[in-house]
Structure formats: C-alpha cells, structure tokens
C-alpha cells in the first residue's frame, strides 16, 4: 500500500473535562483491508495500530481498535486494545477509547 495515495485523516486526543482537542497523529485508510492504519504520536513507529468496523447498531458504526502481535519479527495475529464509534449517517468523527489512555482518541478527515 502506498500511503501517499491513501486518504489521510487527522487524530486528536479529546479531553473529556474541557472538550479541548490536542494533535495525536494521522491515519490512512487501506482499501484492500477495509481498515485504517493509525500512526499515534505517543506510540513507537513500529507499533502497528488498526481501526476496523466491527458492526452497526442503533444508527452507530462500532469499531475495534487492534494492534498487530508479532512473534519472532512476524505478525501472527491482531489483538483488540480498544473500541470506537461514529454516527452511521456521517461516518466521522470516530471516537475511540484505547486503554490505558484517559483521553478519547478522535479521527476526522484531513481538510
């Protein structure tokens, strides 16, 4: 996948008390896997984090936040590390809760 040709999204940390947003990184949509690759500033570049639609319920798109689990340098599977949701009609923003972070991670289309 060539990330230059992929649609880019901005990531923000959302403070639940103040509602303020702080830059957190970028995300790219991968059409072949139908998921997003998240590049979160507070995580090492080699940490592979993905966002994938898991289901729809009551007008909301529900997501799984996953990390790639490596064994001897090879990805063996993905493990769920959080969840997210978005309004099904608009699709964005996507709000995610990833343990152990207190703030919500938010993904919005880049303008």
C-alpha atoms as a PDB file:
ATOM      1  CA  UNK A   1       0.000   0.000   0.000  1.00  0.00           C
ATOM      2  CA  UNK A   2       1.334   3.416  -0.910  1.00  0.00           C
ATOM      3  CA  UNK A   3       0.242   5.777   1.839  1.00  0.00           C
ATOM      4  CA  UNK A   4       0.758   8.859  -0.399  1.00  0.00           C
ATOM      5  CA  UNK A   5      -2.266   7.815  -2.454  1.00  0.00           C
ATOM      6  CA  UNK A   6      -4.433   6.921   0.553  1.00  0.00           C
ATOM      7  CA  UNK A   7      -6.983   9.185   2.104  1.00  0.00           C
ATOM      8  CA  UNK A   8      -5.453  10.919   5.141  1.00  0.00           C
ATOM      9  CA  UNK A   9      -7.185  11.542   8.475  1.00  0.00           C
ATOM     10  CA  UNK A  10      -6.148  13.587  11.491  1.00  0.00           C
ATOM     11  CA  UNK A  11      -6.027  12.134  15.002  1.00  0.00           C
ATOM     12  CA  UNK A  12      -6.697  14.179  18.142  1.00  0.00           C
ATOM     13  CA  UNK A  13      -6.770  13.484  21.869  1.00  0.00           C
ATOM     14  CA  UNK A  14     -10.049  14.813  23.291  1.00  0.00           C
ATOM     15  CA  UNK A  15     -10.043  15.955  26.927  1.00  0.00           C
ATOM     16  CA  UNK A  16     -13.353  14.745  28.371  1.00  0.00           C
ATOM     17  CA  UNK A  17     -13.415  17.508  31.022  1.00  0.00           C
ATOM     18  CA  UNK A  18     -12.635  20.551  28.836  1.00  0.00           C
ATOM     19  CA  UNK A  19     -13.594  19.353  25.329  1.00  0.00           C
ATOM     20  CA  UNK A  20     -10.216  20.601  24.011  1.00  0.00           C
ATOM     21  CA  UNK A  21      -8.503  18.702  21.205  1.00  0.00           C
ATOM     22  CA  UNK A  22      -4.746  18.108  21.072  1.00  0.00           C
ATOM     23  CA  UNK A  23      -2.929  16.736  17.968  1.00  0.00           C
ATOM     24  CA  UNK A  24      -2.259  12.987  18.254  1.00  0.00           C
ATOM     25  CA  UNK A  25      -1.074  11.829  14.804  1.00  0.00           C
ATOM     26  CA  UNK A  26      -2.512  10.693  11.477  1.00  0.00           C
ATOM     27  CA  UNK A  27      -4.416   7.766   9.994  1.00  0.00           C
ATOM     28  CA  UNK A  28      -4.698   6.303   6.498  1.00  0.00           C
ATOM     29  CA  UNK A  29      -7.481   4.173   5.016  1.00  0.00           C
ATOM     30  CA  UNK A  30      -6.358   0.868   3.498  1.00  0.00           C
ATOM     31  CA  UNK A  31      -8.952  -0.150   0.880  1.00  0.00           C
ATOM     32  CA  UNK A  32      -7.657  -3.702   0.428  1.00  0.00           C
ATOM     33  CA  UNK A  33      -8.058  -4.477   4.161  1.00  0.00           C
ATOM     34  CA  UNK A  34     -11.028  -2.113   4.721  1.00  0.00           C
ATOM     35  CA  UNK A  35      -9.344  -0.670   7.809  1.00  0.00           C
ATOM     36  CA  UNK A  36      -7.407   2.363   8.978  1.00  0.00           C
ATOM     37  CA  UNK A  37      -3.722   2.374   9.946  1.00  0.00           C
ATOM     38  CA  UNK A  38      -3.235   4.722  12.900  1.00  0.00           C
ATOM     39  CA  UNK A  39       0.087   6.489  13.479  1.00  0.00           C
ATOM     40  CA  UNK A  40      -0.250   7.785  17.030  1.00  0.00           C
ATOM     41  CA  UNK A  41       2.463  10.240  18.137  1.00  0.00           C
ATOM     42  CA  UNK A  42       2.767   8.741  21.623  1.00  0.00           C
ATOM     43  CA  UNK A  43       3.493   5.239  20.286  1.00  0.00           C
ATOM     44  CA  UNK A  44       6.644   3.955  18.550  1.00  0.00           C
ATOM     45  CA  UNK A  45       6.573   3.942  14.717  1.00  0.00           C
ATOM     46  CA  UNK A  46       6.876   0.148  14.625  1.00  0.00           C
ATOM     47  CA  UNK A  47       3.729  -0.291  16.777  1.00  0.00           C
ATOM     48  CA  UNK A  48       1.003  -1.235  14.279  1.00  0.00           C
ATOM     49  CA  UNK A  49      -2.430   0.059  15.327  1.00  0.00           C
ATOM     50  CA  UNK A  50      -5.553  -0.500  13.225  1.00  0.00           C
ATOM     51  CA  UNK A  51      -9.174   0.666  13.308  1.00  0.00           C
ATOM     52  CA  UNK A  52     -11.786  -1.600  11.722  1.00  0.00           C
ATOM     53  CA  UNK A  53     -15.593  -1.508  11.581  1.00  0.00           C
ATOM     54  CA  UNK A  54     -16.964  -4.366  13.671  1.00  0.00           C
ATOM     55  CA  UNK A  55     -20.747  -3.817  13.402  1.00  0.00           C
ATOM     56  CA  UNK A  56     -23.621  -1.353  13.161  1.00  0.00           C
ATOM     57  CA  UNK A  57     -26.205  -0.823  15.869  1.00  0.00           C
ATOM     58  CA  UNK A  58     -28.878   1.829  16.508  1.00  0.00           C
ATOM     59  CA  UNK A  59     -27.508   4.268  13.923  1.00  0.00           C
ATOM     60  CA  UNK A  60     -23.912   3.887  15.108  1.00  0.00           C
ATOM     61  CA  UNK A  61     -20.926   2.282  13.437  1.00  0.00           C
ATOM     62  CA  UNK A  62     -18.973   0.313  16.024  1.00  0.00           C
ATOM     63  CA  UNK A  63     -15.212  -0.180  15.671  1.00  0.00           C
ATOM     64  CA  UNK A  64     -12.439  -2.363  17.044  1.00  0.00           C
ATOM     65  CA  UNK A  65      -9.022  -0.844  17.753  1.00  0.00           C
ATOM     66  CA  UNK A  66      -6.402  -3.540  17.196  1.00  0.00           C
ATOM     67  CA  UNK A  67      -2.664  -3.916  17.452  1.00  0.00           C
ATOM     68  CA  UNK A  68      -0.551  -6.335  15.450  1.00  0.00           C
ATOM     69  CA  UNK A  69       1.017  -9.013  17.655  1.00  0.00           C
ATOM     70  CA  UNK A  70       4.475 -10.058  16.498  1.00  0.00           C
ATOM     71  CA  UNK A  71       6.358 -13.245  17.247  1.00  0.00           C
ATOM     72  CA  UNK A  72       9.958 -13.541  16.050  1.00  0.00           C
ATOM     73  CA  UNK A  73       9.515 -10.397  13.942  1.00  0.00           C
ATOM     74  CA  UNK A  74       6.411 -11.638  12.100  1.00  0.00           C
ATOM     75  CA  UNK A  75       2.805 -10.569  12.676  1.00  0.00           C
ATOM     76  CA  UNK A  76       0.905 -13.605  13.944  1.00  0.00           C
ATOM     77  CA  UNK A  77      -2.462 -12.012  14.709  1.00  0.00           C
ATOM     78  CA  UNK A  78      -4.234  -8.869  15.876  1.00  0.00           C
ATOM     79  CA  UNK A  79      -5.402  -8.215  19.430  1.00  0.00           C
ATOM     80  CA  UNK A  80      -8.179  -5.821  20.422  1.00  0.00           C
ATOM     81  CA  UNK A  81      -6.896  -2.909  22.546  1.00  0.00           C
ATOM     82  CA  UNK A  82      -9.910  -0.601  22.407  1.00  0.00           C
ATOM     83  CA  UNK A  83     -13.213   0.271  20.809  1.00  0.00           C
ATOM     84  CA  UNK A  84     -14.792   3.152  18.966  1.00  0.00           C
ATOM     85  CA  UNK A  85     -17.984   4.500  17.478  1.00  0.00           C
ATOM     86  CA  UNK A  86     -19.262   7.012  14.923  1.00  0.00           C
ATOM     87  CA  UNK A  87     -22.631   8.225  13.672  1.00  0.00           C
ATOM     88  CA  UNK A  88     -23.571   5.865  10.815  1.00  0.00           C
ATOM     89  CA  UNK A  89     -25.049   8.679   8.684  1.00  0.00           C
ATOM     90  CA  UNK A  90     -21.979  10.924   8.705  1.00  0.00           C
ATOM     91  CA  UNK A  91     -19.249   8.358   9.439  1.00  0.00           C
ATOM     92  CA  UNK A  92     -16.995  10.916  11.164  1.00  0.00           C
ATOM     93  CA  UNK A  93     -15.680  11.818  13.627  1.00  0.00           C
ATOM     94  CA  UNK A  94     -14.778   8.413  15.058  1.00  0.00           C
ATOM     95  CA  UNK A  95     -14.388   8.415  18.853  1.00  0.00           C
ATOM     96  CA  UNK A  96     -12.078   5.753  20.302  1.00  0.00           C
ATOM     97  CA  UNK A  97     -11.206   4.587  23.790  1.00  0.00           C
ATOM     98  CA  UNK A  98      -7.828   2.905  23.978  1.00  0.00           C
ATOM     99  CA  UNK A  99      -6.542   1.567  27.289  1.00  0.00           C
ATOM    100  CA  UNK A 100      -4.632   2.855  29.233  1.00  0.00           C
ATOM    101  CA  UNK A 101      -5.240   6.381  27.861  1.00  0.00           C
ATOM    102  CA  UNK A 102      -7.671   8.555  29.830  1.00  0.00           C
ATOM    103  CA  UNK A 103      -8.489  10.806  26.888  1.00  0.00           C
ATOM    104  CA  UNK A 104     -10.530   9.709  23.895  1.00  0.00           C
ATOM    105  CA  UNK A 105      -8.784   9.470  20.532  1.00  0.00           C
ATOM    106  CA  UNK A 106     -10.763  11.144  17.739  1.00  0.00           C
ATOM    107  CA  UNK A 107     -10.292  10.600  13.973  1.00  0.00           C
ATOM    108  CA  UNK A 108     -11.525  13.216  11.481  1.00  0.00           C
ATOM    109  CA  UNK A 109     -10.942  13.643   7.735  1.00  0.00           C
ATOM    110  CA  UNK A 110      -7.991  15.940   6.931  1.00  0.00           C
ATOM    111  CA  UNK A 111      -9.119  19.189   5.333  1.00  0.00           C
END
